[in-house]
Amino acid sequence: MLNQLGDTLTYHGDALKLRAERQRVLAANIANADTPNYKAMDFDFKSALQNATTGFGSPTSAAAGVFKTDARHLSTSTLSLPGVNMQYRTPNQLSIDGNSVEMDTERASFADNAVRYEASLRFLNGQIKTLSLAIQGQ
């Protein structure tokens, strides 16, 4: 029984981490909507969660082909979680400056991800409260 409870909490904990990471990626896309030649990125949440729960996966930087070539570049190890395969988003319409951010798509994805993050958080909180009540004998 404790293993099932631990597995459930671990699963939803991993889901929250991935939702937070996706929110960060989508926020970066929105923040760079006016940056010339910026390429919007995202990842497949379902496969990332599957990789996280099964223990498989590869570092994002290697999967996306991102390498640190200058000391002033951000470290790729802090940009995302292992098992998350970042992919460039294919725009429906190309912009003149080479930017691939589509604000409507990014806003919709950001809002959808925020709602799902909140749902996962509420579910996890409910599980913890139930467990706490059971431990207290109420």
Foldseek 3Di string as FASTA:
>chain_A
DVVVLVLVLQLLVQLLQLLVLQLVLLVVLVVCVPPFQAFRKGFDSVQLSVCVSVVHFAQQCVLAVNDDDDPPDDDSNPNGDGRTHMDTDQAPDADPRNYRRDPVVSVVVNVVSVVVSVVSVVVSVVSVVVVVCVVVPD
